[in-house]
PDB file of N, CA and C in Angstrom:
ATOM      1  N   MET A   1       0.791  -1.294   0.012  1.00  0.00           N
ATOM      2  CA  MET A   1       0.041   0.227  -0.059  1.00  0.00           C
ATOM      3  C   MET A   1       0.616   1.386  -0.165  1.00  0.00           C
ATOM      4  N   THR A   2       2.071   1.062   0.965  1.00  0.00           N
ATOM      5  CA  THR A   2       2.694   2.872   0.681  1.00  0.00           C
ATOM      6  C   THR A   2       3.035   2.496  -0.632  1.00  0.00           C
ATOM      7  N   ILE A   3       3.991   1.711  -1.065  1.00  0.00           N
ATOM      8  CA  ILE A   3       4.039   1.755  -2.640  1.00  0.00           C
ATOM      9  C   ILE A   3       3.322   2.631  -3.403  1.00  0.00           C
ATOM     10  N   LEU A   4       2.032   2.517  -3.294  1.00  0.00           N
ATOM     11  CA  LEU A   4       0.815   3.086  -4.336  1.00  0.00           C
ATOM     12  C   LEU A   4       0.753   4.061  -4.189  1.00  0.00           C
ATOM     13  N   MET A   5       0.776   4.422  -2.480  1.00  0.00           N
ATOM     14  CA  MET A   5       0.735   5.853  -2.430  1.00  0.00           C
ATOM     15  C   MET A   5       1.755   6.584  -2.659  1.00  0.00           C
ATOM     16  N   THR A   6       2.821   5.941  -2.430  1.00  0.00           N
ATOM     17  CA  THR A   6       3.954   7.244  -2.995  1.00  0.00           C
ATOM     18  C   THR A   6       4.040   7.425  -4.595  1.00  0.00           C
ATOM     19  N   LEU A   7       3.478   6.524  -5.229  1.00  0.00           N
ATOM     20  CA  LEU A   7       3.276   6.684  -6.641  1.00  0.00           C
ATOM     21  C   LEU A   7       2.414   7.815  -6.916  1.00  0.00           C
ATOM     22  N   ILE A   8       1.453   7.627  -6.116  1.00  0.00           N
ATOM     23  CA  ILE A   8      -0.063   8.293  -6.628  1.00  0.00           C
ATOM     24  C   ILE A   8       0.330  10.133  -6.157  1.00  0.00           C
ATOM     25  N   ILE A   9       1.331   9.970  -4.979  1.00  0.00           N
ATOM     26  CA  ILE A   9       1.679  11.348  -4.697  1.00  0.00           C
ATOM     27  C   ILE A   9       2.769  11.866  -5.503  1.00  0.00           C
ATOM     28  N   ALA A  10       3.470  10.710  -6.017  1.00  0.00           N
ATOM     29  CA  ALA A  10       4.711  11.234  -7.110  1.00  0.00           C
ATOM     30  C   ALA A  10       3.863  11.993  -8.508  1.00  0.00           C
ATOM     31  N   VAL A  11       2.813  10.827  -8.981  1.00  0.00           N
ATOM     32  CA  VAL A  11       2.239  11.480 -10.145  1.00  0.00           C
ATOM     33  C   VAL A  11       1.366  12.639  -9.962  1.00  0.00           C
ATOM     34  N   LEU A  12       0.705  13.030  -8.580  1.00  0.00           N
ATOM     35  CA  LEU A  12      -0.035  14.483  -8.330  1.00  0.00           C
ATOM     36  C   LEU A  12       0.967  15.460  -8.261  1.00  0.00           C
ATOM     37  N   ALA A  13       2.446  15.436  -7.603  1.00  0.00           N
ATOM     38  CA  ALA A  13       3.239  16.492  -7.944  1.00  0.00           C
ATOM     39  C   ALA A  13       3.556  16.763  -9.104  1.00  0.00           C
ATOM     40  N   VAL A  14       4.087  15.506 -10.484  1.00  0.00           N
ATOM     41  CA  VAL A  14       4.226  16.029 -11.511  1.00  0.00           C
ATOM     42  C   VAL A  14       3.086  16.669 -12.526  1.00  0.00           C
ATOM     43  N   PHE A  15       1.966  16.466 -12.077  1.00  0.00           N
ATOM     44  CA  PHE A  15       1.244  16.745 -12.576  1.00  0.00           C
ATOM     45  C   PHE A  15       0.609  18.505 -12.544  1.00  0.00           C
ATOM     46  N   ILE A  16       1.003  18.549 -10.678  1.00  0.00           N
ATOM     47  CA  ILE A  16       0.753  20.127 -10.307  1.00  0.00           C
ATOM     48  C   ILE A  16       2.126  21.175 -11.038  1.00  0.00           C
ATOM     49  N   GLY A  17       3.010  20.168 -11.125  1.00  0.00           N
ATOM     50  CA  GLY A  17       4.599  21.101 -11.160  1.00  0.00           C
ATOM     51  C   GLY A  17       4.352  21.472 -12.697  1.00  0.00           C
ATOM     52  N   LYS A  18       3.596  20.543 -13.710  1.00  0.00           N
ATOM     53  CA  LYS A  18       3.641  20.821 -15.094  1.00  0.00           C
ATOM     54  C   LYS A  18       2.367  22.228 -15.036  1.00  0.00           C
ATOM     55  N   GLN A  19       1.242  21.921 -14.570  1.00  0.00           N
ATOM     56  CA  GLN A  19       0.505  22.979 -14.683  1.00  0.00           C
ATOM     57  C   GLN A  19       0.969  24.418 -14.136  1.00  0.00           C
ATOM     58  N   LEU A  20       1.990  24.456 -13.209  1.00  0.00           N
ATOM     59  CA  LEU A  20       2.477  25.482 -12.753  1.00  0.00           C
ATOM     60  C   LEU A  20       3.162  26.048 -13.507  1.00  0.00           C
ATOM     61  N   LEU A  21       3.930  25.001 -14.214  1.00  0.00           N
ATOM     62  CA  LEU A  21       4.826  25.821 -15.609  1.00  0.00           C
ATOM     63  C   LEU A  21       4.307  26.371 -16.345  1.00  0.00           C
ATOM     64  N   SER A  22       3.504  25.818 -17.400  1.00  0.00           N
ATOM     65  CA  SER A  22       2.597  26.044 -18.058  1.00  0.00           C
ATOM     66  C   SER A  22       1.809  27.242 -17.841  1.00  0.00           C
ATOM     67  N   VAL A  23       1.476  27.341 -16.428  1.00  0.00           N
ATOM     68  CA  VAL A  23       0.825  29.187 -15.874  1.00  0.00           C
ATOM     69  C   VAL A  23       2.133  29.892 -16.128  1.00  0.00           C
ATOM     70  N   SER A  24       2.787  29.732 -15.775  1.00  0.00           N
ATOM     71  CA  SER A  24       4.006  30.480 -15.722  1.00  0.00           C
ATOM     72  C   SER A  24       4.810  31.273 -17.053  1.00  0.00           C
ATOM     73  N   GLN A  25       4.522  29.975 -17.849  1.00  0.00           N
ATOM     74  CA  GLN A  25       4.965  30.082 -19.059  1.00  0.00           C
ATOM     75  C   GLN A  25       4.107  30.774 -19.932  1.00  0.00           C
ATOM     76  N   LYS A  26       2.913  30.842 -19.756  1.00  0.00           N
ATOM     77  CA  LYS A  26       2.053  31.722 -20.272  1.00  0.00           C
ATOM     78  C   LYS A  26       2.118  32.942 -19.978  1.00  0.00           C
ATOM     79  N   LYS A  27       2.332  33.337 -18.921  1.00  0.00           N
ATOM     80  CA  LYS A  27       2.723  35.013 -18.504  1.00  0.00           C
ATOM     81  C   LYS A  27       3.760  35.140 -19.020  1.00  0.00           C
ATOM     82  N   GLU A  28       4.783  34.266 -19.056  1.00  0.00           N
ATOM     83  CA  GLU A  28       6.319  35.304 -19.439  1.00  0.00           C
ATOM     84  C   GLU A  28       6.111  35.149 -21.184  1.00  0.00           C
ATOM     85  N   MET A  29       5.465  33.915 -21.733  1.00  0.00           N
ATOM     86  CA  MET A  29       5.226  34.210 -23.133  1.00  0.00           C
ATOM     87  C   MET A  29       6.925  33.734 -23.946  1.00  0.00           C
ATOM     88  N   ARG A  30       7.194  32.645 -23.485  1.00  0.00           N
ATOM     89  CA  ARG A  30       8.436  32.523 -24.182  1.00  0.00           C
ATOM     90  C   ARG A  30       8.169  30.802 -24.649  1.00  0.00           C
ATOM     91  N   PRO A  31       7.924  30.734 -25.838  1.00  0.00           N
ATOM     92  CA  PRO A  31       7.729  29.829 -26.573  1.00  0.00           C
ATOM     93  C   PRO A  31       9.065  28.405 -26.556  1.00  0.00           C
ATOM     94  N   ILE A  32      10.031  29.145 -26.474  1.00  0.00           N
ATOM     95  CA  ILE A  32      11.411  28.279 -26.755  1.00  0.00           C
ATOM     96  C   ILE A  32      11.165  27.234 -25.500  1.00  0.00           C
ATOM     97  N   ARG A  33      10.807  27.575 -24.162  1.00  0.00           N
ATOM     98  CA  ARG A  33      10.825  26.487 -23.061  1.00  0.00           C
ATOM     99  C   ARG A  33       9.640  25.990 -23.267  1.00  0.00           C
ATOM    100  N   ILE A  34       8.629  26.408 -23.823  1.00  0.00           N
ATOM    101  CA  ILE A  34       7.438  24.937 -24.013  1.00  0.00           C
ATOM    102  C   ILE A  34       8.010  24.096 -25.141  1.00  0.00           C
ATOM    103  N   LYS A  35       8.845  24.574 -25.919  1.00  0.00           N
ATOM    104  CA  LYS A  35       9.304  23.473 -27.118  1.00  0.00           C
ATOM    105  C   LYS A  35      10.290  22.362 -26.376  1.00  0.00           C
ATOM    106  N   THR A  36      11.491  22.946 -25.418  1.00  0.00           N
ATOM    107  CA  THR A  36      11.981  21.882 -24.689  1.00  0.00           C
ATOM    108  C   THR A  36      11.397  21.249 -23.772  1.00  0.00           C
ATOM    109  N   ASP A  37       9.924  21.525 -23.192  1.00  0.00           N
ATOM    110  CA  ASP A  37       9.443  21.028 -21.949  1.00  0.00           C
ATOM    111  C   ASP A  37       8.937  19.763 -22.986  1.00  0.00           C
ATOM    112  N   GLU A  38       8.351  19.860 -24.334  1.00  0.00           N
ATOM    113  CA  GLU A  38       7.548  19.347 -24.837  1.00  0.00           C
ATOM    114  C   GLU A  38       8.334  17.899 -25.492  1.00  0.00           C
ATOM    115  N   GLN A  39       9.636  18.440 -25.906  1.00  0.00           N
ATOM    116  CA  GLN A  39      10.753  17.259 -26.397  1.00  0.00           C
ATOM    117  C   GLN A  39      11.055  16.535 -24.837  1.00  0.00           C
ATOM    118  N   ARG A  40      11.198  17.098 -23.803  1.00  0.00           N
ATOM    119  CA  ARG A  40      11.461  16.007 -22.341  1.00  0.00           C
ATOM    120  C   ARG A  40      10.288  15.472 -22.352  1.00  0.00           C
ATOM    121  N   PHE A  41       9.182  15.607 -22.321  1.00  0.00           N
ATOM    122  CA  PHE A  41       8.260  14.882 -22.233  1.00  0.00           C
ATOM    123  C   PHE A  41       8.005  13.818 -23.041  1.00  0.00           C
ATOM    124  N   LYS A  42       8.474  14.064 -24.116  1.00  0.00           N
ATOM    125  CA  LYS A  42       8.447  12.814 -25.225  1.00  0.00           C
ATOM    126  C   LYS A  42       9.469  11.710 -24.733  1.00  0.00           C
ATOM    127  N   ASN A  43      11.065  12.270 -24.826  1.00  0.00           N
ATOM    128  CA  ASN A  43      11.590  11.441 -24.054  1.00  0.00           C
ATOM    129  C   ASN A  43      11.679  10.711 -22.708  1.00  0.00           C
ATOM    130  N   ARG A  44      10.753  11.261 -21.964  1.00  0.00           N
ATOM    131  CA  ARG A  44      10.011  10.755 -20.955  1.00  0.00           C
ATOM    132  C   ARG A  44       9.631   9.414 -21.232  1.00  0.00           C
ATOM    133  N   ARG A  45       8.648   9.540 -22.049  1.00  0.00           N
ATOM    134  CA  ARG A  45       7.780   8.440 -22.502  1.00  0.00           C
ATOM    135  C   ARG A  45       8.378   7.165 -22.958  1.00  0.00           C
ATOM    136  N   ARG A  46       9.397   7.569 -23.718  1.00  0.00           N
ATOM    137  CA  ARG A  46      10.384   6.449 -24.548  1.00  0.00           C
ATOM    138  C   ARG A  46      10.752   5.255 -23.410  1.00  0.00           C
TER     139      ARG A  46
END
């Protein structure tokens, strides 16, 4: 059960972090960072 809880918390933390990053990027209006983030996300899935 503890392993499942840590996994759920980790996924939530990543999801919240991604949303916070996207919000800050929209305020800053920097498309370069968004492109690099998309590439990192694709590399993580592989």
